[in-house]
Amino acid sequence: MRIASRLIGGAVAAALLTQLSACGTLFYPDRRGQIEGKIDPVVAAMNAIGILFFVIPGLIAFAVDFATGAIYLPGGQSAQVSPEALREAITADGKVDTARLKAIIARETGHDLPLDNPQLLQRSGSLQQLAAYGLPPAA
């Protein structure tokens, strides 16, 4: 009897852990970071099954998938700009020229970003970030 209760307890704990980590986030980690799109019915169904068996973990799974964007189907587009192409946007004194940066992003990706928006938050990078991309720290 003691072994059966341990097996049941272990199965319940495993089920709770998988539901707390959210289905879309587990099965499709490449989808994280999406903001909008069509909802993947497979991920939604797996999260709904979590709600049927365990209400709170199922709701948490839905919340995590919506917050991370893993519940959305991929849009089929990705846009990346190489760090070498971004060097053109750095002025001689080490500052970023937003007009040049906007032009580079528009040229490379086809997306026009509102870099002149007053609500835009700008953060400075570090030498460790440059080293992660294999770039020397030079302006």
N, C-alpha and C. Protein backbone atom coordinates (compact mmCIF):
# COMPACT_ATOMS: atom_id res chain seq x y z
N MET A 1 0.82 -1.19 0.00
CA MET A 1 0.00 0.00 0.00
C MET A 1 0.87 1.25 0.00
N ARG A 2 1.98 1.20 0.71
CA ARG A 2 2.86 2.36 0.80
C ARG A 2 3.50 2.67 -0.56
N ILE A 3 3.83 1.64 -1.34
CA ILE A 3 4.44 1.85 -2.65
C ILE A 3 3.42 2.45 -3.61
N ALA A 4 2.18 2.01 -3.53
CA ALA A 4 1.14 2.55 -4.42
C ALA A 4 0.91 4.03 -4.16
N SER A 5 0.91 4.43 -2.91
CA SER A 5 0.69 5.86 -2.60
C SER A 5 1.88 6.70 -3.05
N ARG A 6 3.07 6.14 -3.00
CA ARG A 6 4.24 6.87 -3.50
C ARG A 6 4.20 7.03 -5.01
N LEU A 7 3.75 5.96 -5.71
CA LEU A 7 3.63 6.04 -7.16
C LEU A 7 2.57 7.08 -7.57
N ILE A 8 1.46 7.07 -6.88
CA ILE A 8 0.41 8.04 -7.18
C ILE A 8 0.91 9.46 -6.88
N GLY A 9 1.56 9.63 -5.77
CA GLY A 9 2.11 10.94 -5.42
C GLY A 9 3.15 11.42 -6.42
N GLY A 10 3.99 10.51 -6.89
CA GLY A 10 4.99 10.87 -7.89
C GLY A 10 4.35 11.25 -9.22
N ALA A 11 3.30 10.52 -9.61
CA ALA A 11 2.60 10.83 -10.86
C ALA A 11 1.91 12.19 -10.78
N VAL A 12 1.29 12.47 -9.64
CA VAL A 12 0.63 13.78 -9.46
C VAL A 12 1.67 14.90 -9.46
N ALA A 13 2.79 14.69 -8.81
CA ALA A 13 3.84 15.71 -8.79
C ALA A 13 4.40 15.96 -10.19
N ALA A 14 4.61 14.88 -10.95
CA ALA A 14 5.11 15.03 -12.32
C ALA A 14 4.10 15.77 -13.19
N ALA A 15 2.82 15.46 -13.04
CA ALA A 15 1.79 16.14 -13.82
C ALA A 15 1.72 17.61 -13.45
N LEU A 16 1.83 17.92 -12.18
CA LEU A 16 1.81 19.32 -11.76
C LEU A 16 3.01 20.08 -12.30
N LEU A 17 4.17 19.46 -12.28
CA LEU A 17 5.37 20.13 -12.79
C LEU A 17 5.27 20.41 -14.28
N THR A 18 4.74 19.46 -15.05
CA THR A 18 4.62 19.71 -16.49
C THR A 18 3.60 20.78 -16.79
N GLN A 19 2.53 20.86 -16.01
CA GLN A 19 1.53 21.90 -16.24
C GLN A 19 2.01 23.26 -15.78
N LEU A 20 2.80 23.30 -14.73
CA LEU A 20 3.30 24.59 -14.26
C LEU A 20 4.30 25.20 -15.24
N SER A 21 4.97 24.37 -16.01
CA SER A 21 5.95 24.92 -16.94
C SER A 21 5.33 25.31 -18.28
N ALA A 22 4.08 25.02 -18.52
CA ALA A 22 3.31 25.41 -19.69
C ALA A 22 3.71 24.61 -20.93
N CYS A 23 2.72 24.12 -21.62
CA CYS A 23 2.95 23.23 -22.75
C CYS A 23 3.66 23.91 -23.91
N GLY A 24 3.19 25.08 -24.31
CA GLY A 24 3.80 25.76 -25.44
C GLY A 24 5.24 26.14 -25.17
N THR A 25 5.53 26.54 -23.95
CA THR A 25 6.89 26.92 -23.60
C THR A 25 7.81 25.72 -23.63
N LEU A 26 7.30 24.55 -23.25
CA LEU A 26 8.11 23.33 -23.27
C LEU A 26 8.33 22.80 -24.69
N PHE A 27 7.24 22.71 -25.46
CA PHE A 27 7.33 22.05 -26.77
C PHE A 27 7.81 22.98 -27.88
N TYR A 28 7.60 24.28 -27.74
CA TYR A 28 7.99 25.22 -28.78
C TYR A 28 8.78 26.39 -28.18
N PRO A 29 9.97 26.16 -27.69
CA PRO A 29 10.73 27.26 -27.07
C PRO A 29 11.15 28.33 -28.08
N ASP A 30 11.18 27.97 -29.38
CA ASP A 30 11.54 28.95 -30.40
C ASP A 30 10.45 29.98 -30.62
N ARG A 31 9.24 29.74 -30.15
CA ARG A 31 8.15 30.68 -30.32
C ARG A 31 8.12 31.77 -29.24
N ARG A 32 8.91 31.62 -28.22
CA ARG A 32 8.88 32.61 -27.14
C ARG A 32 9.28 33.97 -27.67
N GLY A 33 8.64 35.00 -27.15
CA GLY A 33 8.95 36.36 -27.55
C GLY A 33 8.00 36.93 -28.58
N GLN A 34 7.08 36.11 -29.09
CA GLN A 34 6.09 36.63 -30.03
C GLN A 34 5.08 37.49 -29.29
N ILE A 35 4.60 38.51 -29.93
CA ILE A 35 3.67 39.43 -29.29
C ILE A 35 2.22 39.09 -29.64
N GLU A 36 1.99 38.70 -30.88
CA GLU A 36 0.63 38.42 -31.32
C GLU A 36 0.65 37.40 -32.44
N GLY A 37 -0.53 36.98 -32.83
CA GLY A 37 -0.66 36.02 -33.91
C GLY A 37 -1.86 35.14 -33.68
N LYS A 38 -1.98 34.10 -34.50
CA LYS A 38 -3.07 33.15 -34.33
C LYS A 38 -2.68 32.16 -33.24
N ILE A 39 -3.65 31.80 -32.42
CA ILE A 39 -3.39 30.87 -31.32
C ILE A 39 -3.28 29.46 -31.88
N ASP A 40 -2.26 28.74 -31.47
CA ASP A 40 -2.06 27.35 -31.87
C ASP A 40 -3.09 26.49 -31.15
N PRO A 41 -3.97 25.81 -31.87
CA PRO A 41 -5.00 25.01 -31.21
C PRO A 41 -4.44 23.81 -30.44
N VAL A 42 -3.30 23.30 -30.86
CA VAL A 42 -2.70 22.16 -30.15
C VAL A 42 -2.23 22.59 -28.76
N VAL A 43 -1.55 23.72 -28.69
CA VAL A 43 -1.06 24.21 -27.40
C VAL A 43 -2.24 24.60 -26.51
N ALA A 44 -3.24 25.25 -27.10
CA ALA A 44 -4.42 25.64 -26.32
C ALA A 44 -5.15 24.41 -25.78
N ALA A 45 -5.23 23.35 -26.59
CA ALA A 45 -5.89 22.12 -26.13
C ALA A 45 -5.10 21.45 -25.01
N MET A 46 -3.77 21.44 -25.13
CA MET A 46 -2.97 20.84 -24.05
C MET A 46 -3.12 21.63 -22.76
N ASN A 47 -3.15 22.95 -22.85
CA ASN A 47 -3.36 23.76 -21.66
C ASN A 47 -4.77 23.55 -21.10
N ALA A 48 -5.76 23.38 -21.99
CA ALA A 48 -7.13 23.14 -21.54
C ALA A 48 -7.25 21.80 -20.82
N ILE A 49 -6.52 20.80 -21.29
CA ILE A 49 -6.51 19.51 -20.59
C ILE A 49 -5.94 19.71 -19.18
N GLY A 50 -4.96 20.58 -19.07
CA GLY A 50 -4.41 20.89 -17.75
C GLY A 50 -5.45 21.53 -16.85
N ILE A 51 -6.32 22.35 -17.43
CA ILE A 51 -7.38 22.96 -16.62
C ILE A 51 -8.38 21.90 -16.18
N LEU A 52 -8.67 20.92 -17.04
CA LEU A 52 -9.63 19.88 -16.68
C LEU A 52 -9.16 19.06 -15.48
N PHE A 53 -7.88 18.72 -15.48
CA PHE A 53 -7.37 17.88 -14.41
C PHE A 53 -6.92 18.69 -13.19
N PHE A 54 -6.22 19.75 -13.41
CA PHE A 54 -5.70 20.57 -12.33
C PHE A 54 -5.99 22.03 -12.69
N VAL A 55 -6.95 22.65 -12.05
CA VAL A 55 -7.44 23.97 -12.45
C VAL A 55 -6.35 25.03 -12.34
N ILE A 56 -5.74 25.16 -11.20
CA ILE A 56 -4.75 26.23 -10.99
C ILE A 56 -3.52 26.04 -11.88
N PRO A 57 -2.91 24.84 -11.95
CA PRO A 57 -1.77 24.70 -12.86
C PRO A 57 -2.14 24.91 -14.32
N GLY A 58 -3.35 24.53 -14.72
CA GLY A 58 -3.77 24.77 -16.09
C GLY A 58 -3.90 26.24 -16.41
N LEU A 59 -4.44 27.00 -15.47
CA LEU A 59 -4.54 28.45 -15.66
C LEU A 59 -3.15 29.09 -15.69
N ILE A 60 -2.27 28.58 -14.87
CA ILE A 60 -0.89 29.09 -14.87
C ILE A 60 -0.22 28.77 -16.20
N ALA A 61 -0.49 27.58 -16.75
CA ALA A 61 0.08 27.21 -18.05
C ALA A 61 -0.41 28.16 -19.13
N PHE A 62 -1.71 28.48 -19.13
CA PHE A 62 -2.23 29.44 -20.10
C PHE A 62 -1.55 30.80 -19.91
N ALA A 63 -1.43 31.24 -18.67
CA ALA A 63 -0.83 32.55 -18.40
C ALA A 63 0.63 32.60 -18.85
N VAL A 64 1.38 31.53 -18.60
CA VAL A 64 2.79 31.50 -19.00
C VAL A 64 2.90 31.50 -20.53
N ASP A 65 2.06 30.71 -21.19
CA ASP A 65 2.14 30.65 -22.65
C ASP A 65 1.75 31.97 -23.30
N PHE A 66 0.73 32.65 -22.76
CA PHE A 66 0.37 33.95 -23.30
C PHE A 66 1.44 34.99 -23.00
N ALA A 67 2.02 34.94 -21.81
CA ALA A 67 3.03 35.92 -21.42
C ALA A 67 4.31 35.76 -22.24
N THR A 68 4.69 34.52 -22.54
CA THR A 68 5.91 34.30 -23.30
C THR A 68 5.67 34.34 -24.81
N GLY A 69 4.40 34.22 -25.24
CA GLY A 69 4.09 34.21 -26.65
C GLY A 69 4.20 32.84 -27.29
N ALA A 70 4.43 31.81 -26.50
CA ALA A 70 4.61 30.46 -27.04
C ALA A 70 3.31 29.85 -27.52
N ILE A 71 2.17 30.43 -27.18
CA ILE A 71 0.88 29.88 -27.59
C ILE A 71 0.53 30.27 -29.03
N TYR A 72 1.23 31.26 -29.58
CA TYR A 72 0.92 31.74 -30.92
C TYR A 72 1.65 30.92 -31.98
N LEU A 73 0.97 30.73 -33.11
CA LEU A 73 1.61 30.07 -34.24
C LEU A 73 2.71 30.96 -34.79
N PRO A 74 3.77 30.37 -35.34
CA PRO A 74 4.83 31.21 -35.89
C PRO A 74 4.33 31.98 -37.12
N GLY A 75 4.80 33.21 -37.25
CA GLY A 75 4.37 34.06 -38.33
C GLY A 75 5.06 33.76 -39.64
N GLY A 76 6.12 32.99 -39.64
CA GLY A 76 6.82 32.66 -40.86
C GLY A 76 7.86 33.70 -41.24
N GLN A 77 8.00 34.74 -40.44
CA GLN A 77 8.98 35.77 -40.75
C GLN A 77 9.95 35.91 -39.59
N SER A 78 11.17 36.15 -39.93
CA SER A 78 12.15 36.52 -38.93
C SER A 78 13.04 37.59 -39.53
N ALA A 79 13.49 38.48 -38.70
CA ALA A 79 14.31 39.58 -39.19
C ALA A 79 15.53 39.71 -38.29
N GLN A 80 16.69 39.62 -38.89
CA GLN A 80 17.92 39.75 -38.14
C GLN A 80 18.88 40.63 -38.91
N VAL A 81 19.64 41.39 -38.15
CA VAL A 81 20.66 42.25 -38.74
C VAL A 81 21.98 41.84 -38.12
N SER A 82 22.97 41.62 -38.95
CA SER A 82 24.27 41.20 -38.43
C SER A 82 24.94 42.35 -37.69
N PRO A 83 25.70 42.05 -36.65
CA PRO A 83 26.39 43.10 -35.90
C PRO A 83 27.35 43.92 -36.77
N GLU A 84 27.92 43.28 -37.79
CA GLU A 84 28.84 44.01 -38.67
C GLU A 84 28.11 45.11 -39.44
N ALA A 85 26.87 44.84 -39.84
CA ALA A 85 26.10 45.86 -40.57
C ALA A 85 25.71 47.01 -39.65
N LEU A 86 25.58 46.74 -38.38
CA LEU A 86 25.19 47.79 -37.44
C LEU A 86 26.34 48.74 -37.10
N ARG A 87 27.56 48.37 -37.46
CA ARG A 87 28.70 49.25 -37.18
C ARG A 87 28.58 50.60 -37.88
N GLU A 88 27.85 50.63 -39.01
CA GLU A 88 27.68 51.88 -39.74
C GLU A 88 26.91 52.91 -38.93
N ALA A 89 26.12 52.48 -37.97
CA ALA A 89 25.30 53.39 -37.17
C ALA A 89 26.06 54.02 -36.02
N ILE A 90 27.29 53.59 -35.77
CA ILE A 90 28.08 54.12 -34.66
C ILE A 90 28.94 55.27 -35.17
N THR A 91 28.82 56.41 -34.50
CA THR A 91 29.59 57.58 -34.90
C THR A 91 31.02 57.47 -34.38
N ALA A 92 31.86 58.43 -34.73
CA ALA A 92 33.27 58.42 -34.33
C ALA A 92 33.44 58.53 -32.82
N ASP A 93 32.52 59.20 -32.15
CA ASP A 93 32.65 59.35 -30.70
C ASP A 93 31.97 58.23 -29.92
N GLY A 94 31.50 57.17 -30.61
CA GLY A 94 30.94 56.00 -29.93
C GLY A 94 29.45 56.07 -29.68
N LYS A 95 28.77 57.09 -30.16
CA LYS A 95 27.32 57.22 -29.97
C LYS A 95 26.60 56.55 -31.15
N VAL A 96 25.36 56.20 -30.92
CA VAL A 96 24.56 55.57 -31.96
C VAL A 96 23.74 56.65 -32.66
N ASP A 97 23.89 56.72 -33.96
CA ASP A 97 23.10 57.65 -34.77
C ASP A 97 21.78 56.94 -35.10
N THR A 98 20.68 57.43 -34.51
CA THR A 98 19.40 56.74 -34.67
C THR A 98 18.88 56.80 -36.11
N ALA A 99 19.18 57.87 -36.82
CA ALA A 99 18.74 57.96 -38.22
C ALA A 99 19.42 56.89 -39.07
N ARG A 100 20.73 56.72 -38.88
CA ARG A 100 21.45 55.67 -39.62
C ARG A 100 20.98 54.28 -39.20
N LEU A 101 20.76 54.10 -37.90
CA LEU A 101 20.29 52.81 -37.40
C LEU A 101 18.92 52.47 -37.99
N LYS A 102 18.04 53.44 -38.04
CA LYS A 102 16.72 53.22 -38.61
C LYS A 102 16.83 52.85 -40.09
N ALA A 103 17.73 53.52 -40.82
CA ALA A 103 17.92 53.22 -42.24
C ALA A 103 18.49 51.82 -42.45
N ILE A 104 19.43 51.41 -41.60
CA ILE A 104 20.03 50.07 -41.71
C ILE A 104 18.97 49.01 -41.46
N ILE A 105 18.18 49.19 -40.41
CA ILE A 105 17.14 48.20 -40.08
C ILE A 105 16.11 48.12 -41.20
N ALA A 106 15.72 49.27 -41.74
CA ALA A 106 14.76 49.27 -42.85
C ALA A 106 15.33 48.59 -44.08
N ARG A 107 16.61 48.82 -44.36
CA ARG A 107 17.25 48.22 -45.53
C ARG A 107 17.39 46.70 -45.38
N GLU A 108 17.84 46.26 -44.21
CA GLU A 108 18.13 44.84 -44.00
C GLU A 108 16.89 43.99 -43.76
N THR A 109 15.90 44.55 -43.07
CA THR A 109 14.74 43.74 -42.67
C THR A 109 13.45 44.11 -43.38
N GLY A 110 13.38 45.31 -43.90
CA GLY A 110 12.14 45.77 -44.52
C GLY A 110 11.14 46.30 -43.53
N HIS A 111 11.52 46.42 -42.26
CA HIS A 111 10.63 46.94 -41.23
C HIS A 111 11.05 48.35 -40.86
N ASP A 112 10.08 49.24 -40.75
CA ASP A 112 10.35 50.62 -40.37
C ASP A 112 10.03 50.78 -38.88
N LEU A 113 11.06 50.89 -38.06
CA LEU A 113 10.86 51.01 -36.62
C LEU A 113 10.78 52.47 -36.20
N PRO A 114 9.93 52.78 -35.22
CA PRO A 114 9.81 54.16 -34.75
C PRO A 114 10.90 54.52 -33.75
N LEU A 115 12.13 54.66 -34.20
CA LEU A 115 13.24 54.94 -33.30
C LEU A 115 13.25 56.38 -32.81
N ASP A 116 12.43 57.25 -33.42
CA ASP A 116 12.38 58.63 -32.97
C ASP A 116 11.21 58.87 -32.01
N ASN A 117 10.57 57.82 -31.55
CA ASN A 117 9.47 57.92 -30.61
C ASN A 117 9.99 58.42 -29.26
N PRO A 118 9.35 59.42 -28.65
CA PRO A 118 9.83 59.92 -27.35
C PRO A 118 9.67 58.91 -26.21
N GLN A 119 8.84 57.90 -26.38
CA GLN A 119 8.65 56.90 -25.33
C GLN A 119 9.64 55.74 -25.44
N LEU A 120 10.53 55.80 -26.42
CA LEU A 120 11.51 54.74 -26.62
C LEU A 120 12.54 54.76 -25.49
N LEU A 121 12.76 53.61 -24.89
CA LEU A 121 13.76 53.47 -23.83
C LEU A 121 15.07 53.02 -24.44
N GLN A 122 16.13 53.75 -24.17
CA GLN A 122 17.44 53.38 -24.69
C GLN A 122 18.31 52.90 -23.54
N ARG A 123 18.99 51.81 -23.77
CA ARG A 123 19.90 51.25 -22.77
C ARG A 123 21.27 51.07 -23.40
N SER A 124 22.27 51.26 -22.60
CA SER A 124 23.62 51.09 -23.12
C SER A 124 24.07 49.65 -22.93
N GLY A 125 24.94 49.21 -23.82
CA GLY A 125 25.45 47.85 -23.76
C GLY A 125 26.70 47.78 -22.90
N SER A 126 27.31 46.62 -22.92
CA SER A 126 28.52 46.40 -22.13
C SER A 126 29.56 45.69 -22.99
N LEU A 127 30.78 45.63 -22.49
CA LEU A 127 31.85 44.93 -23.19
C LEU A 127 31.57 43.43 -23.28
N GLN A 128 30.87 42.88 -22.28
CA GLN A 128 30.55 41.46 -22.29
C GLN A 128 29.58 41.13 -23.43
N GLN A 129 28.65 42.05 -23.72
CA GLN A 129 27.73 41.82 -24.82
C GLN A 129 28.46 41.83 -26.16
N LEU A 130 29.40 42.75 -26.31
CA LEU A 130 30.19 42.78 -27.54
C LEU A 130 31.01 41.51 -27.70
N ALA A 131 31.59 41.05 -26.60
CA ALA A 131 32.40 39.83 -26.64
C ALA A 131 31.53 38.60 -26.99
N ALA A 132 30.28 38.61 -26.55
CA ALA A 132 29.38 37.49 -26.86
C ALA A 132 29.12 37.40 -28.36
N TYR A 133 29.13 38.53 -29.06
CA TYR A 133 28.94 38.54 -30.51
C TYR A 133 30.27 38.44 -31.25
N GLY A 134 31.35 38.38 -30.54
CA GLY A 134 32.66 38.26 -31.18
C GLY A 134 33.15 39.57 -31.78
N LEU A 135 32.68 40.69 -31.25
CA LEU A 135 33.07 41.99 -31.77
C LEU A 135 34.09 42.66 -30.85
N PRO A 136 35.09 43.29 -31.39
CA PRO A 136 36.04 44.02 -30.54
C PRO A 136 35.40 45.32 -30.05
N PRO A 137 35.71 45.74 -28.83
CA PRO A 137 35.12 46.97 -28.29
C PRO A 137 35.77 48.21 -28.89
N ALA A 138 35.35 48.59 -30.08
CA ALA A 138 35.90 49.77 -30.73
C ALA A 138 34.77 50.59 -31.31
N ALA A 139 34.90 51.89 -31.24
CA ALA A 139 33.84 52.77 -31.78
C ALA A 139 34.13 53.12 -33.21
